[in-house]
Amino acid sequence: MPHYDERFFHYGFTVAVNDASYNIDQSNYFFSNTDSISKINADRTIGFTLGFIVNFHINDNFDLRVLPNVGFYQRNISYQYKGLGEVKQTVESNVIELPMLLKFKSKREGNFRAYVVAGIKPGVEVSSKVKEDDGEERLRVKDNNFVVEYGFGIDIYNPMFKFSPEIR
């Protein structure tokens, strides 16, 4: 497939593994003796993403990629109460995401080509389920998200398809 990348429009699908967590940042008020919570931890969890790839060829070195997808995430949070012990909360969410990335490609060498990508990824949560140890809701989050993404990968050309593993 020596001229595969010269076509203006390509499409495909993506299957990805994602990593999700919350960044915990407590205010000075949190550390005062007036709060009943002494510690909050957020564990990293693994999920997956399914979607499509729409690729537009700009020139020999640049492509514009749009990747509409659905991400399946789970985040685990534990609250340590003073004198009461630990309570865990699990937040499961499905997010529709629309990454828009610029792909900078190296020169193709045989059946391989390295690349880097960078862009934005807006997302909207379409469903969420909160599980509590004791039935009490503790954490509320916004339904939308905006992320700046960057990463690298390699295109591997096969006779019937192009395989592109990447890390973002």
Foldseek 3Di string as FASTA:
>chain_A
DVCVLVDFKDKDKDKFKDKDKDDDDDDPVLCDPPDQWNDKDKDIDIWMKIWMWIWGRDDPFKIKIKTWIKTWDKIKMWTQGVPPGIKIKIKIWIKTKIWIKMKTWDDDDDQKIKIKIWTKMKIFTDDMDMDIPVPDDDDDDDRIDMDIDIWMWMWGDDPPDIDIDIDD
